[in-house]
């Protein structure tokens, strides 16, 4: 898979985690669908993770499950950092000086590049490509992990509601 496609796959899988997985987890802790919709639409990634942590704490989730959730969200924060770094590096370096009327853009320096240097740079892409694929796998694992945690949260909440007779 070309590097561009690998980056695209990573961004897609991370976005699925960001939008779908976190939303499901929030819904498992709150039956107020309007509140969750507003949170999804108005809060950024970090704020939604913080909200999820606080809601779980407020619902008195068992410590082991709360620990699993916090570990998952810690991994998500680290992966978000990697995603931002990749996105930042995708932005091409552009000469931002304004062109004067009638001025011709400078010719690319690539024609004069040393071929051995280009081969060296190409070899640097291989580890980067492997790293991107690892990030994609991590995003998929985060989706699965949060789905398992969400199911456990739902069972806990359902048991809590049944015990209080408000279900």
C-alpha atoms as a PDB file:
ATOM      1  CA  UNK A   1       0.000   0.000   0.000  1.00  0.00           C
ATOM      2  CA  UNK A   2       1.466   3.393  -0.936  1.00  0.00           C
ATOM      3  CA  UNK A   3       2.294   5.760   1.901  1.00  0.00           C
ATOM      4  CA  UNK A   4      -0.514   8.139   0.921  1.00  0.00           C
ATOM      5  CA  UNK A   5      -3.072   5.316   1.118  1.00  0.00           C
ATOM      6  CA  UNK A   6      -1.646   4.132   4.445  1.00  0.00           C
ATOM      7  CA  UNK A   7      -2.018   7.627   5.890  1.00  0.00           C
ATOM      8  CA  UNK A   8      -5.571   7.814   4.544  1.00  0.00           C
ATOM      9  CA  UNK A   9      -6.433   4.459   6.133  1.00  0.00           C
ATOM     10  CA  UNK A  10      -5.021   5.621   9.465  1.00  0.00           C
ATOM     11  CA  UNK A  11      -6.999   8.873   9.347  1.00  0.00           C
ATOM     12  CA  UNK A  12     -10.196   6.947   8.522  1.00  0.00           C
ATOM     13  CA  UNK A  13      -9.764   4.463  11.367  1.00  0.00           C
ATOM     14  CA  UNK A  14      -8.861   7.173  13.853  1.00  0.00           C
ATOM     15  CA  UNK A  15     -11.903   9.183  12.775  1.00  0.00           C
ATOM     16  CA  UNK A  16     -14.111   6.130  13.342  1.00  0.00           C
ATOM     17  CA  UNK A  17     -12.744   5.870  16.862  1.00  0.00           C
ATOM     18  CA  UNK A  18     -13.147   9.607  17.404  1.00  0.00           C
ATOM     19  CA  UNK A  19     -16.730   9.841  16.180  1.00  0.00           C
ATOM     20  CA  UNK A  20     -18.338   6.434  16.562  1.00  0.00           C
ATOM     21  CA  UNK A  21     -16.571   4.712  19.440  1.00  0.00           C
ATOM     22  CA  UNK A  22     -16.466   7.696  21.778  1.00  0.00           C
ATOM     23  CA  UNK A  23     -20.080   8.519  20.945  1.00  0.00           C
ATOM     24  CA  UNK A  24     -21.187   4.976  21.815  1.00  0.00           C
ATOM     25  CA  UNK A  25     -19.328   5.139  25.105  1.00  0.00           C
ATOM     26  CA  UNK A  26     -20.943   8.473  25.973  1.00  0.00           C
ATOM     27  CA  UNK A  27     -24.366   7.043  25.126  1.00  0.00           C
ATOM     28  CA  UNK A  28     -23.717   4.087  27.429  1.00  0.00           C
ATOM     29  CA  UNK A  29     -23.299   6.480  30.354  1.00  0.00           C
ATOM     30  CA  UNK A  30     -26.081   8.940  29.523  1.00  0.00           C
ATOM     31  CA  UNK A  31     -29.610   8.226  28.410  1.00  0.00           C
ATOM     32  CA  UNK A  32     -29.992  11.887  27.425  1.00  0.00           C
ATOM     33  CA  UNK A  33     -29.512  11.612  23.657  1.00  0.00           C
ATOM     34  CA  UNK A  34     -29.798  15.385  23.123  1.00  0.00           C
ATOM     35  CA  UNK A  35     -26.976  15.973  25.617  1.00  0.00           C
ATOM     36  CA  UNK A  36     -24.770  13.396  23.891  1.00  0.00           C
ATOM     37  CA  UNK A  37     -25.517  14.839  20.441  1.00  0.00           C
ATOM     38  CA  UNK A  38     -24.568  18.309  21.664  1.00  0.00           C
ATOM     39  CA  UNK A  39     -21.398  16.972  23.270  1.00  0.00           C
ATOM     40  CA  UNK A  40     -20.418  15.202  20.052  1.00  0.00           C
ATOM     41  CA  UNK A  41     -21.051  18.265  17.941  1.00  0.00           C
ATOM     42  CA  UNK A  42     -19.690  20.992  20.229  1.00  0.00           C
ATOM     43  CA  UNK A  43     -16.802  19.434  22.144  1.00  0.00           C
ATOM     44  CA  UNK A  44     -13.385  18.709  20.713  1.00  0.00           C
ATOM     45  CA  UNK A  45     -11.661  15.347  21.086  1.00  0.00           C
ATOM     46  CA  UNK A  46      -9.960  16.076  24.412  1.00  0.00           C
ATOM     47  CA  UNK A  47     -13.115  17.572  25.937  1.00  0.00           C
ATOM     48  CA  UNK A  48     -15.158  14.488  24.949  1.00  0.00           C
ATOM     49  CA  UNK A  49     -12.573  12.185  26.512  1.00  0.00           C
ATOM     50  CA  UNK A  50     -12.611  14.247  29.699  1.00  0.00           C
ATOM     51  CA  UNK A  51     -16.420  14.196  29.721  1.00  0.00           C
ATOM     52  CA  UNK A  52     -16.379  10.424  29.279  1.00  0.00           C
ATOM     53  CA  UNK A  53     -13.975  10.015  32.198  1.00  0.00           C
ATOM     54  CA  UNK A  54     -16.022  12.286  34.455  1.00  0.00           C
ATOM     55  CA  UNK A  55     -19.301  10.631  33.545  1.00  0.00           C
ATOM     56  CA  UNK A  56     -17.834   7.205  34.300  1.00  0.00           C
ATOM     57  CA  UNK A  57     -16.520   8.452  37.636  1.00  0.00           C
ATOM     58  CA  UNK A  58     -19.879  10.068  38.489  1.00  0.00           C
ATOM     59  CA  UNK A  59     -21.705   6.821  37.667  1.00  0.00           C
ATOM     60  CA  UNK A  60     -19.441   5.052  40.173  1.00  0.00           C
ATOM     61  CA  UNK A  61     -18.075   2.617  37.650  1.00  0.00           C
ATOM     62  CA  UNK A  62     -16.072  -0.179  39.340  1.00  0.00           C
ATOM     63  CA  UNK A  63     -12.393   0.757  39.730  1.00  0.00           C
ATOM     64  CA  UNK A  64     -11.136  -2.025  37.430  1.00  0.00           C
ATOM     65  CA  UNK A  65     -13.436  -0.927  34.615  1.00  0.00           C
ATOM     66  CA  UNK A  66     -12.598   2.719  35.244  1.00  0.00           C
ATOM     67  CA  UNK A  67      -8.902   1.800  35.017  1.00  0.00           C
ATOM     68  CA  UNK A  68      -9.491   0.029  31.697  1.00  0.00           C
ATOM     69  CA  UNK A  69     -11.321   3.075  30.387  1.00  0.00           C
ATOM     70  CA  UNK A  70      -8.569   5.446  31.511  1.00  0.00           C
ATOM     71  CA  UNK A  71      -5.877   3.237  29.932  1.00  0.00           C
ATOM     72  CA  UNK A  72      -7.818   3.191  26.663  1.00  0.00           C
ATOM     73  CA  UNK A  73      -8.249   6.955  26.684  1.00  0.00           C
ATOM     74  CA  UNK A  74      -4.559   7.451  27.470  1.00  0.00           C
ATOM     75  CA  UNK A  75      -3.694   5.387  24.371  1.00  0.00           C
ATOM     76  CA  UNK A  76      -6.221   7.440  22.386  1.00  0.00           C
ATOM     77  CA  UNK A  77      -4.605  10.698  23.452  1.00  0.00           C
ATOM     78  CA  UNK A  78      -1.185   9.417  22.390  1.00  0.00           C
ATOM     79  CA  UNK A  79      -2.534   8.283  19.040  1.00  0.00           C
ATOM     80  CA  UNK A  80      -4.249  11.642  18.541  1.00  0.00           C
ATOM     81  CA  UNK A  81      -0.865  13.268  19.060  1.00  0.00           C
ATOM     82  CA  UNK A  82       0.609  11.043  16.341  1.00  0.00           C
ATOM     83  CA  UNK A  83      -2.284  11.867  14.024  1.00  0.00           C
ATOM     84  CA  UNK A  84      -1.716  15.591  14.520  1.00  0.00           C
ATOM     85  CA  UNK A  85       2.004  15.186  13.861  1.00  0.00           C
ATOM     86  CA  UNK A  86       1.335  13.361  10.597  1.00  0.00           C
ATOM     87  CA  UNK A  87      -1.230  15.948   9.522  1.00  0.00           C
ATOM     88  CA  UNK A  88       1.223  18.737  10.324  1.00  0.00           C
ATOM     89  CA  UNK A  89       3.921  17.071   8.240  1.00  0.00           C
ATOM     90  CA  UNK A  90       1.593  16.645   5.275  1.00  0.00           C
ATOM     91  CA  UNK A  91       1.394  20.385   4.804  1.00  0.00           C
ATOM     92  CA  UNK A  92       3.871  21.202   2.046  1.00  0.00           C
ATOM     93  CA  UNK A  93       6.496  23.845   2.645  1.00  0.00           C
ATOM     94  CA  UNK A  94       5.404  26.695   0.443  1.00  0.00           C
ATOM     95  CA  UNK A  95       7.205  29.903  -0.251  1.00  0.00           C
ATOM     96  CA  UNK A  96       4.703  32.267   1.295  1.00  0.00           C
ATOM     97  CA  UNK A  97       6.265  35.440  -0.070  1.00  0.00           C
ATOM     98  CA  UNK A  98       3.856  37.184  -2.421  1.00  0.00           C
ATOM     99  CA  UNK A  99       4.694  37.028  -6.098  1.00  0.00           C
ATOM    100  CA  UNK A 100       5.210  40.365  -7.703  1.00  0.00           C
ATOM    101  CA  UNK A 101       3.348  41.134 -10.881  1.00  0.00           C
ATOM    102  CA  UNK A 102       5.230  39.625 -13.792  1.00  0.00           C
ATOM    103  CA  UNK A 103       7.600  37.635 -11.570  1.00  0.00           C
ATOM    104  CA  UNK A 104       8.160  34.042 -12.548  1.00  0.00           C
ATOM    105  CA  UNK A 105       8.174  31.324  -9.899  1.00  0.00           C
ATOM    106  CA  UNK A 106      11.596  29.806  -9.298  1.00  0.00           C
ATOM    107  CA  UNK A 107      12.332  26.504 -10.967  1.00  0.00           C
ATOM    108  CA  UNK A 108      12.266  23.438  -8.773  1.00  0.00           C
ATOM    109  CA  UNK A 109      15.582  22.473  -7.250  1.00  0.00           C
ATOM    110  CA  UNK A 110      14.753  18.801  -7.675  1.00  0.00           C
ATOM    111  CA  UNK A 111      16.421  18.742 -11.073  1.00  0.00           C
ATOM    112  CA  UNK A 112      19.718  19.443  -9.386  1.00  0.00           C
ATOM    113  CA  UNK A 113      19.214  17.025  -6.500  1.00  0.00           C
ATOM    114  CA  UNK A 114      21.801  14.372  -5.840  1.00  0.00           C
ATOM    115  CA  UNK A 115      20.275  11.008  -6.773  1.00  0.00           C
ATOM    116  CA  UNK A 116      21.979   9.247  -3.875  1.00  0.00           C
ATOM    117  CA  UNK A 117      20.274  11.681  -1.497  1.00  0.00           C
ATOM    118  CA  UNK A 118      16.890  10.899  -3.090  1.00  0.00           C
ATOM    119  CA  UNK A 119      17.472   7.162  -2.617  1.00  0.00           C
ATOM    120  CA  UNK A 120      18.412   7.820   1.008  1.00  0.00           C
ATOM    121  CA  UNK A 121      15.208   9.800   1.528  1.00  0.00           C
ATOM    122  CA  UNK A 122      13.158   7.069  -0.114  1.00  0.00           C
ATOM    123  CA  UNK A 123      14.618   4.529   2.316  1.00  0.00           C
ATOM    124  CA  UNK A 124      13.514   6.743   5.215  1.00  0.00           C
ATOM    125  CA  UNK A 125       9.896   6.369   4.067  1.00  0.00           C
ATOM    126  CA  UNK A 126       9.860   2.609   4.687  1.00  0.00           C
ATOM    127  CA  UNK A 127      10.016   2.849   8.510  1.00  0.00           C
ATOM    128  CA  UNK A 128       7.555   5.754   8.364  1.00  0.00           C
ATOM    129  CA  UNK A 129       5.205   3.616   6.279  1.00  0.00           C
ATOM    130  CA  UNK A 130       5.463   0.760   8.792  1.00  0.00           C
ATOM    131  CA  UNK A 131       4.809   3.196  11.629  1.00  0.00           C
ATOM    132  CA  UNK A 132       1.685   4.513   9.891  1.00  0.00           C
ATOM    133  CA  UNK A 133       0.408   0.955   9.536  1.00  0.00           C
ATOM    134  CA  UNK A 134       1.085   0.396  13.252  1.00  0.00           C
ATOM    135  CA  UNK A 135      -0.937   3.518  14.039  1.00  0.00           C
ATOM    136  CA  UNK A 136      -3.787   2.189  11.897  1.00  0.00           C
ATOM    137  CA  UNK A 137      -3.711  -1.088  13.827  1.00  0.00           C
ATOM    138  CA  UNK A 138      -3.693   0.858  17.101  1.00  0.00           C
ATOM    139  CA  UNK A 139      -6.758   2.826  15.961  1.00  0.00           C
ATOM    140  CA  UNK A 140      -8.540  -0.439  15.136  1.00  0.00           C
ATOM    141  CA  UNK A 141      -7.563  -1.895  18.513  1.00  0.00           C
ATOM    142  CA  UNK A 142      -8.832   1.232  20.267  1.00  0.00           C
ATOM    143  CA  UNK A 143     -12.171   0.862  18.496  1.00  0.00           C
ATOM    144  CA  UNK A 144     -12.437  -2.757  19.659  1.00  0.00           C
ATOM    145  CA  UNK A 145     -11.248  -2.024  23.186  1.00  0.00           C
ATOM    146  CA  UNK A 146     -13.687   0.849  23.661  1.00  0.00           C
ATOM    147  CA  UNK A 147     -16.508  -1.297  22.230  1.00  0.00           C
ATOM    148  CA  UNK A 148     -15.789  -3.944  24.894  1.00  0.00           C
ATOM    149  CA  UNK A 149     -15.598  -1.303  27.626  1.00  0.00           C
ATOM    150  CA  UNK A 150     -18.833   0.280  26.368  1.00  0.00           C
ATOM    151  CA  UNK A 151     -20.623  -3.078  26.594  1.00  0.00           C
ATOM    152  CA  UNK A 152     -19.347  -3.465  30.160  1.00  0.00           C
ATOM    153  CA  UNK A 153     -20.471   0.068  31.009  1.00  0.00           C
ATOM    154  CA  UNK A 154     -23.936  -0.684  29.630  1.00  0.00           C
ATOM    155  CA  UNK A 155     -24.176  -3.883  31.706  1.00  0.00           C
ATOM    156  CA  UNK A 156     -23.069  -1.995  34.813  1.00  0.00           C
ATOM    157  CA  UNK A 157     -25.604   0.800  34.247  1.00  0.00           C
ATOM    158  CA  UNK A 158     -28.375  -1.715  33.490  1.00  0.00           C
ATOM    159  CA  UNK A 159     -27.549  -3.594  36.695  1.00  0.00           C
ATOM    160  CA  UNK A 160     -27.508  -0.336  38.627  1.00  0.00           C
ATOM    161  CA  UNK A 161     -30.924   0.635  37.236  1.00  0.00           C
ATOM    162  CA  UNK A 162     -32.361  -2.808  37.960  1.00  0.00           C
ATOM    163  CA  UNK A 163     -31.061  -2.684  41.534  1.00  0.00           C
ATOM    164  CA  UNK A 164     -32.681   0.685  42.177  1.00  0.00           C
ATOM    165  CA  UNK A 165     -35.861  -0.242  40.338  1.00  0.00           C
ATOM    166  CA  UNK A 166     -35.651   2.721  37.990  1.00  0.00           C
ATOM    167  CA  UNK A 167     -34.965   0.712  34.812  1.00  0.00           C
END
